[in-house]
Amino acid sequence: MHYSDILFFMRKASITIKEIARQLNVSKSTVSRALRDSPEISEETKKRVIALAESLNYSPNPIALSLLRNRTQTLGIIVPDIANPFFSTAIGGVEDIAYSRGYHTMIYQSHESYERELADTKHIATRRVDGLIVSISSQTENHDHFVELQEQGIPVVFFDRVSETMPSHKVRVDDYKGAYEATEHLISRGCKSIAHIAGPANLSISRNRLKGYQDALTHHGIELHDEWVVSSEYNQAGGTERAYQLMALRNRPDAIFAASDRIAIGVHWALRQLGYRMPDDVAIVGFSDLSISSLLDPPLSSVAQPSFEMGQLAATLLLDLIESKSTPVAFETRVLTSNLIIRKSSMKELVGD
């Protein structure tokens, strides 16, 4: 770099509000208000300030600007597990909107731990983020830490795993409908003994998916068996363990609807180890439609969730809250549609097919 270039950058870096005020013979507060388009400053003065600032290549100090606006242009995101493709895709949706509107993101993982989630919210409060997008952990039953954030002026938007008691914007899919359709599909393929591996009961998504399964059986006149409903964490290991448990029953199921694809993948592995054919012996349907699900042998049927769109919508709702000059009259719950993707794992042959 030439000496003249160095001088140029040094000169550019030294341009401050104080220098603009000196050259225009006005106060620093006048320049500051003019740059913020304050109605207290005349249009003529604003034009003079902006014209000089542009000619001097003035660039505001980002730290000073954040203090001036009382914003850091940063959003916090808490998810249970970034390794879960559903959450990593949702984060992509959040960042897509955040970046387009001039914000950055800070990502935290709760690892399904309430204590970890609590520590994350405390750190977020000290870092002065402008708002938080969160999908709660499977251990979380008390949501006071999120209420405290909102009371401190940090708005919170939930997605997928939402708080049903806390007033806030929420984005989720119709878990009940997705589970109902998945179970009904298995019934349509001649399955009579359909088991369900549910997620942790304190999560709304688990309860809604269980209810959809139960209602589908009831509406089609199929008896519910308590032994065919078991629960698991949303992971592959839990699915494997519960599959072994179900297939050891004297009256074993001929189909399994899993509350997530990660659980279903564990079921898939266990059934192969036990020597059962899918779907002839046991049909399977999961929930989330992870990209790996279509690569299994046989490919896994699943209820698809628009995870990227969920992230985009959650970010849009949060940024509108942050940038709004008034509190919303009412918070919204946006419910996106799910879509059953049918693959070979559930296509049990019917007599006459």
Protein backbone atom coordinates (compact mmCIF):
# COMPACT_ATOMS: atom_id res chain seq x y z
CA MET A 1 0.00 0.00 0.00
CA HIS A 2 1.36 3.47 -0.95
CA TYR A 3 1.93 6.15 1.68
CA SER A 4 -0.85 8.26 0.15
CA ASP A 5 -3.29 5.37 0.55
CA ILE A 6 -2.34 5.00 4.21
CA LEU A 7 -2.97 8.72 4.77
CA PHE A 8 -6.37 8.39 3.07
CA PHE A 9 -7.47 5.56 5.34
CA MET A 10 -6.10 7.31 8.42
CA ARG A 11 -8.01 10.45 7.46
CA LYS A 12 -11.20 8.44 6.81
CA ALA A 13 -10.90 6.66 10.16
CA SER A 14 -10.43 10.01 11.97
CA ILE A 15 -13.67 11.55 10.70
CA THR A 16 -16.02 11.91 13.66
CA ILE A 17 -19.23 13.70 14.52
CA LYS A 18 -17.04 16.26 16.31
CA GLU A 19 -15.16 17.04 13.07
CA ILE A 20 -18.41 17.43 11.09
CA ALA A 21 -19.78 19.73 13.81
CA ARG A 22 -16.58 21.83 13.75
CA GLN A 23 -16.67 22.30 9.99
CA LEU A 24 -20.35 23.28 9.99
CA ASN A 25 -20.03 25.37 13.17
CA VAL A 26 -22.87 23.51 14.91
CA SER A 27 -23.02 21.36 18.04
CA LYS A 28 -22.24 17.62 18.10
CA SER A 29 -25.78 16.90 19.28
CA THR A 30 -27.14 18.72 16.22
CA VAL A 31 -25.05 16.53 13.92
CA SER A 32 -26.08 13.40 15.80
CA ARG A 33 -29.78 14.26 15.58
CA ALA A 34 -29.48 15.20 11.90
CA LEU A 35 -27.89 11.84 11.07
CA ARG A 36 -30.75 10.12 12.93
CA ASP A 37 -33.30 12.14 10.91
CA SER A 38 -34.67 13.70 14.09
CA PRO A 39 -37.72 15.97 13.60
CA GLU A 40 -36.05 18.45 15.98
CA ILE A 41 -33.58 19.42 13.24
CA SER A 42 -34.55 21.50 10.20
CA GLU A 43 -34.46 19.95 6.74
CA GLU A 44 -31.86 22.49 5.60
CA THR A 45 -29.49 21.56 8.45
CA LYS A 46 -30.02 17.83 7.80
CA LYS A 47 -29.07 18.28 4.15
CA ARG A 48 -25.89 20.18 5.08
CA VAL A 49 -24.86 17.56 7.64
CA ILE A 50 -25.53 14.60 5.33
CA ALA A 51 -23.78 16.23 2.38
CA LEU A 52 -20.62 16.91 4.41
CA ALA A 53 -20.69 13.45 6.01
CA GLU A 54 -20.84 11.83 2.58
CA SER A 55 -18.08 14.02 1.17
CA LEU A 56 -15.82 13.11 4.10
CA ASN A 57 -16.68 9.39 3.81
CA TYR A 58 -17.95 9.45 7.38
CA SER A 59 -18.75 5.99 8.79
CA PRO A 60 -20.33 5.81 12.26
CA ASN A 61 -18.62 3.76 14.94
CA PRO A 62 -20.70 0.55 15.19
CA ILE A 63 -20.39 0.39 18.99
CA ALA A 64 -21.41 4.01 19.39
CA LEU A 65 -24.25 3.48 16.93
CA SER A 66 -25.56 0.50 18.88
CA LEU A 67 -25.55 2.54 22.09
CA LEU A 68 -27.27 5.41 20.29
CA ARG A 69 -30.01 3.15 18.96
CA ASN A 70 -30.02 0.99 22.10
CA ARG A 71 -29.52 -1.99 19.78
CA THR A 72 -26.66 -4.35 19.00
CA GLN A 73 -28.11 -5.61 15.69
CA THR A 74 -27.73 -9.13 17.09
CA LEU A 75 -30.27 -11.93 17.56
CA GLY A 76 -29.84 -14.85 19.94
CA ILE A 77 -30.91 -18.37 18.92
CA ILE A 78 -31.23 -21.32 21.31
CA VAL A 79 -31.86 -24.80 19.90
CA PRO A 80 -31.58 -28.22 21.55
CA ASP A 81 -28.99 -29.60 19.12
CA ILE A 82 -27.34 -28.07 16.06
CA ALA A 83 -26.40 -31.59 14.86
CA ASN A 84 -30.11 -32.21 14.29
CA PRO A 85 -30.67 -31.27 10.60
CA PHE A 86 -34.12 -29.89 11.43
CA PHE A 87 -32.64 -27.23 13.72
CA SER A 88 -29.63 -26.46 11.52
CA THR A 89 -32.00 -25.84 8.59
CA ALA A 90 -34.25 -23.66 10.74
CA ILE A 91 -31.20 -21.63 11.82
CA GLY A 92 -30.44 -21.14 8.13
CA GLY A 93 -33.90 -19.63 7.72
CA VAL A 94 -33.35 -17.28 10.67
CA GLU A 95 -29.99 -16.12 9.32
CA ASP A 96 -31.44 -15.61 5.85
CA ILE A 97 -33.89 -13.01 7.16
CA ALA A 98 -31.58 -11.56 9.82
CA TYR A 99 -28.76 -10.87 7.37
CA SER A 100 -31.10 -9.27 4.85
CA ARG A 101 -32.21 -6.80 7.54
CA GLY A 102 -28.75 -5.98 8.87
CA TYR A 103 -28.58 -8.31 11.89
CA HIS A 104 -26.14 -10.96 13.03
CA THR A 105 -26.89 -14.09 15.07
CA MET A 106 -25.44 -15.76 18.16
CA ILE A 107 -26.24 -19.48 18.35
CA TYR A 108 -26.52 -21.50 21.57
CA GLN A 109 -27.26 -25.20 22.18
CA SER A 110 -29.18 -26.39 25.23
CA HIS A 111 -28.29 -30.05 24.55
CA GLU A 112 -31.78 -30.89 25.87
CA SER A 113 -30.76 -29.55 29.30
CA TYR A 114 -32.88 -27.09 31.29
CA GLU A 115 -29.82 -25.95 33.28
CA ARG A 116 -27.86 -25.33 30.08
CA GLU A 117 -30.81 -23.41 28.61
CA LEU A 118 -31.03 -21.30 31.78
CA ALA A 119 -27.31 -20.47 31.56
CA ASP A 120 -27.73 -19.56 27.88
CA THR A 121 -30.50 -17.06 28.63
CA LYS A 122 -28.39 -15.41 31.35
CA HIS A 123 -25.49 -15.04 28.93
CA ILE A 124 -27.82 -13.64 26.28
CA ALA A 125 -29.08 -11.00 28.72
CA THR A 126 -25.53 -9.82 29.50
CA ARG A 127 -24.61 -9.66 25.81
CA ARG A 128 -27.48 -7.24 25.17
CA VAL A 129 -28.91 -9.08 22.17
CA ASP A 130 -31.93 -7.39 20.63
CA GLY A 131 -34.16 -10.48 20.74
CA LEU A 132 -34.25 -14.25 21.09
CA ILE A 133 -35.56 -17.11 18.95
CA VAL A 134 -35.82 -20.38 20.85
CA SER A 135 -36.94 -23.99 20.62
CA ILE A 136 -37.10 -25.25 24.21
CA SER A 137 -35.26 -28.27 25.59
CA SER A 138 -36.97 -31.56 26.39
CA GLN A 139 -36.29 -30.98 30.12
CA THR A 140 -37.83 -27.51 30.27
CA GLU A 141 -41.07 -27.24 32.23
CA ASN A 142 -40.61 -23.81 33.84
CA HIS A 143 -40.41 -20.88 31.40
CA ASP A 144 -39.71 -18.07 33.89
CA HIS A 145 -36.24 -17.42 32.41
CA PHE A 146 -37.86 -16.44 29.12
CA VAL A 147 -40.42 -14.25 30.89
CA GLU A 148 -37.55 -12.44 32.64
CA LEU A 149 -35.89 -11.73 29.30
CA GLN A 150 -39.07 -10.14 27.95
CA GLU A 151 -39.40 -8.08 31.13
CA GLN A 152 -35.86 -6.81 30.49
CA GLY A 153 -36.92 -5.63 27.04
CA ILE A 154 -35.58 -8.61 25.06
CA PRO A 155 -38.51 -10.03 23.04
CA VAL A 156 -38.75 -13.82 22.65
CA VAL A 157 -40.20 -15.81 19.75
CA PHE A 158 -40.66 -19.59 20.04
CA PHE A 159 -40.57 -22.06 17.16
CA ASP A 160 -41.37 -25.78 16.90
CA ARG A 161 -41.11 -26.51 20.64
CA VAL A 162 -43.11 -23.64 22.07
CA SER A 163 -44.29 -22.48 25.49
CA GLU A 164 -48.06 -22.82 25.66
CA THR A 165 -48.33 -20.56 28.73
CA MET A 166 -46.05 -17.61 27.94
CA PRO A 167 -47.46 -14.74 25.85
CA SER A 168 -45.20 -14.39 22.81
CA HIS A 169 -45.12 -14.94 19.07
CA LYS A 170 -44.89 -18.65 18.18
CA VAL A 171 -44.22 -20.58 14.98
CA ARG A 172 -45.01 -24.26 14.71
CA VAL A 173 -46.44 -26.88 12.38
CA ASP A 174 -49.75 -28.67 12.77
CA ASP A 175 -48.30 -31.61 14.70
CA TYR A 176 -51.73 -33.08 15.41
CA LYS A 177 -52.74 -33.16 11.75
CA GLY A 178 -49.39 -34.59 10.66
CA ALA A 179 -49.60 -37.39 13.22
CA TYR A 180 -53.24 -38.10 12.37
CA GLU A 181 -52.44 -38.42 8.66
CA ALA A 182 -49.40 -40.62 9.31
CA THR A 183 -51.44 -43.01 11.46
CA GLU A 184 -54.33 -42.98 9.00
CA HIS A 185 -51.92 -43.86 6.19
CA LEU A 186 -50.73 -46.92 8.13
CA ILE A 187 -54.35 -47.93 8.70
CA SER A 188 -55.04 -47.55 4.97
CA ARG A 189 -52.22 -50.05 4.28
CA GLY A 190 -53.96 -52.68 6.38
CA CYS A 191 -52.03 -52.19 9.65
CA LYS A 192 -54.08 -53.13 12.71
CA SER A 193 -51.52 -53.10 15.51
CA ILE A 194 -49.94 -49.66 15.31
CA ALA A 195 -47.49 -48.61 18.03
CA HIS A 196 -46.33 -45.08 18.76
CA ILE A 197 -42.97 -43.96 20.11
CA ALA A 198 -43.74 -40.55 21.57
CA GLY A 199 -41.33 -37.80 22.57
CA PRO A 200 -40.94 -36.37 26.10
CA ALA A 201 -44.42 -35.68 27.50
CA ASN A 202 -43.67 -32.13 28.72
CA LEU A 203 -43.18 -30.90 25.13
CA SER A 204 -46.27 -29.68 23.28
CA ILE A 205 -45.11 -31.29 20.02
CA SER A 206 -45.01 -34.70 21.74
CA ARG A 207 -48.49 -34.32 23.20
CA ASN A 208 -49.98 -33.09 19.93
CA ARG A 209 -48.45 -35.94 17.91
CA LEU A 210 -49.64 -38.50 20.47
CA LYS A 211 -53.16 -37.05 20.35
CA GLY A 212 -53.21 -37.20 16.53
CA TYR A 213 -52.18 -40.88 16.67
CA GLN A 214 -54.80 -41.72 19.29
CA ASP A 215 -57.63 -39.94 17.50
CA ALA A 216 -56.84 -41.57 14.16
CA LEU A 217 -57.09 -45.03 15.75
CA THR A 218 -60.32 -44.13 17.56
CA HIS A 219 -61.96 -42.64 14.48
CA HIS A 220 -61.21 -45.81 12.51
CA GLY A 221 -62.46 -48.13 15.25
CA ILE A 222 -59.05 -49.56 16.14
CA GLU A 223 -58.48 -50.43 19.78
CA LEU A 224 -55.82 -48.51 21.69
CA HIS A 225 -53.27 -50.61 23.60
CA ASP A 226 -51.32 -48.88 26.37
CA GLU A 227 -48.36 -51.25 25.88
CA TRP A 228 -48.00 -50.01 22.31
CA VAL A 229 -47.38 -46.40 23.41
CA VAL A 230 -43.87 -45.76 24.74
CA SER A 231 -41.78 -42.60 25.00
CA SER A 232 -38.23 -41.66 24.15
CA GLU A 233 -35.90 -38.71 23.86
CA TYR A 234 -35.78 -37.33 20.33
CA ASN A 235 -32.72 -39.33 19.32
CA GLN A 236 -31.71 -42.49 17.49
CA ALA A 237 -30.60 -44.38 20.60
CA GLY A 238 -34.04 -43.95 22.15
CA GLY A 239 -35.73 -45.24 19.01
CA THR A 240 -33.53 -48.34 18.95
CA GLU A 241 -34.19 -49.12 22.61
CA ARG A 242 -37.95 -48.68 22.29
CA ALA A 243 -38.09 -50.79 19.11
CA TYR A 244 -36.47 -53.70 20.93
CA GLN A 245 -39.00 -53.20 23.74
CA LEU A 246 -42.01 -53.21 21.39
CA MET A 247 -40.87 -56.16 19.30
CA ALA A 248 -40.35 -58.23 22.48
CA LEU A 249 -44.07 -58.03 23.30
CA ARG A 250 -46.14 -61.17 22.98
CA ASN A 251 -48.61 -59.13 20.89
CA ARG A 252 -46.08 -57.25 18.78
CA PRO A 253 -47.09 -54.35 16.53
CA ASP A 254 -47.24 -54.54 12.75
CA ALA A 255 -46.48 -50.82 12.36
CA ILE A 256 -44.66 -48.10 14.30
CA PHE A 257 -45.30 -44.37 14.05
CA ALA A 258 -42.32 -42.51 15.55
CA ALA A 259 -42.61 -38.93 16.82
CA SER A 260 -39.44 -37.92 14.95
CA ASP A 261 -37.20 -39.18 12.16
CA ARG A 262 -34.29 -39.52 14.57
CA ILE A 263 -36.38 -41.93 16.63
CA ALA A 264 -37.57 -43.67 13.46
CA ILE A 265 -34.00 -44.13 12.22
CA GLY A 266 -33.22 -45.92 15.48
CA VAL A 267 -36.30 -48.12 14.95
CA HIS A 268 -35.22 -48.82 11.37
CA TRP A 269 -31.78 -49.98 12.53
CA ALA A 270 -33.22 -52.19 15.30
CA LEU A 271 -35.68 -53.91 12.97
CA ARG A 272 -32.90 -54.73 10.52
CA GLN A 273 -30.82 -56.17 13.36
CA LEU A 274 -33.77 -58.29 14.49
CA GLY A 275 -34.36 -59.57 10.96
CA TYR A 276 -37.77 -58.01 10.37
CA ARG A 277 -38.66 -56.94 6.83
CA MET A 278 -39.97 -53.42 6.29
CA PRO A 279 -42.77 -52.86 5.47
CA ASP A 280 -43.91 -56.49 5.12
CA ASP A 281 -43.42 -57.40 8.79
CA VAL A 282 -43.41 -53.92 10.30
CA ALA A 283 -44.27 -50.63 8.57
CA ILE A 284 -42.67 -47.38 9.79
CA VAL A 285 -43.45 -43.68 9.53
CA GLY A 286 -41.37 -40.87 11.08
CA PHE A 287 -41.82 -37.13 11.55
CA SER A 288 -39.62 -34.29 10.17
CA ASP A 289 -38.44 -35.81 6.87
CA LEU A 290 -34.71 -35.40 7.39
CA SER A 291 -32.62 -35.60 4.23
CA ILE A 292 -31.09 -38.91 5.29
CA SER A 293 -34.53 -40.53 5.59
CA SER A 294 -34.88 -40.97 1.84
CA LEU A 295 -31.47 -42.68 1.69
CA LEU A 296 -32.31 -45.55 4.05
CA ASP A 297 -33.09 -49.05 2.78
CA PRO A 298 -36.02 -49.08 2.58
CA PRO A 299 -36.53 -45.30 2.36
CA LEU A 300 -38.42 -43.89 5.36
CA SER A 301 -41.93 -42.44 5.06
CA SER A 302 -42.18 -39.24 7.09
CA VAL A 303 -44.20 -36.13 7.87
CA ALA A 304 -42.26 -33.23 6.35
CA GLN A 305 -41.91 -29.94 8.23
CA PRO A 306 -40.95 -26.67 6.47
CA SER A 307 -38.03 -26.02 8.83
CA PHE A 308 -36.34 -23.29 6.74
CA GLU A 309 -39.64 -21.41 6.41
CA MET A 310 -40.21 -21.77 10.16
CA GLY A 311 -36.88 -20.08 10.81
CA GLN A 312 -37.63 -17.32 8.32
CA LEU A 313 -41.04 -16.62 9.84
CA ALA A 314 -39.72 -16.66 13.42
CA ALA A 315 -37.01 -14.15 12.46
CA THR A 316 -39.49 -11.91 10.66
CA LEU A 317 -41.84 -11.85 13.65
CA LEU A 318 -38.97 -11.11 16.04
CA LEU A 319 -37.47 -8.31 13.95
CA ASP A 320 -40.89 -6.71 13.54
CA LEU A 321 -41.19 -6.75 17.35
CA ILE A 322 -37.72 -5.24 17.79
CA GLU A 323 -38.22 -2.49 15.23
CA SER A 324 -41.80 -1.66 16.14
CA LYS A 325 -42.34 1.46 18.19
CA SER A 326 -45.33 -0.05 20.00
CA THR A 327 -46.18 -3.27 21.80
CA PRO A 328 -48.39 -5.62 19.74
CA VAL A 329 -52.05 -5.69 20.72
CA ALA A 330 -51.90 -9.51 20.66
CA PHE A 331 -49.22 -12.09 20.03
CA GLU A 332 -49.58 -14.46 17.09
CA THR A 333 -49.24 -18.22 16.77
CA ARG A 334 -48.43 -19.11 13.17
CA VAL A 335 -49.22 -22.73 12.29
CA LEU A 336 -47.58 -24.04 9.11
CA THR A 337 -48.82 -27.09 7.25
CA SER A 338 -47.03 -30.43 7.26
CA ASN A 339 -46.91 -32.88 4.36
CA LEU A 340 -46.86 -36.67 4.53
CA ILE A 341 -44.12 -38.08 2.29
CA ILE A 342 -44.87 -41.72 1.51
CA ARG A 343 -41.94 -44.04 0.79
CA LYS A 344 -41.37 -47.78 0.82
CA SER A 345 -41.01 -48.21 4.61
CA SER A 346 -44.79 -47.89 5.06
CA MET A 347 -46.13 -49.29 1.77
CA LYS A 348 -47.26 -52.66 3.06
CA GLU A 349 -48.86 -54.60 0.22
CA LEU A 350 -52.62 -55.01 0.37
CA VAL A 351 -54.44 -58.08 -0.85
CA GLY A 352 -55.36 -57.28 -4.44
CA ASP A 353 -52.58 -54.69 -4.92
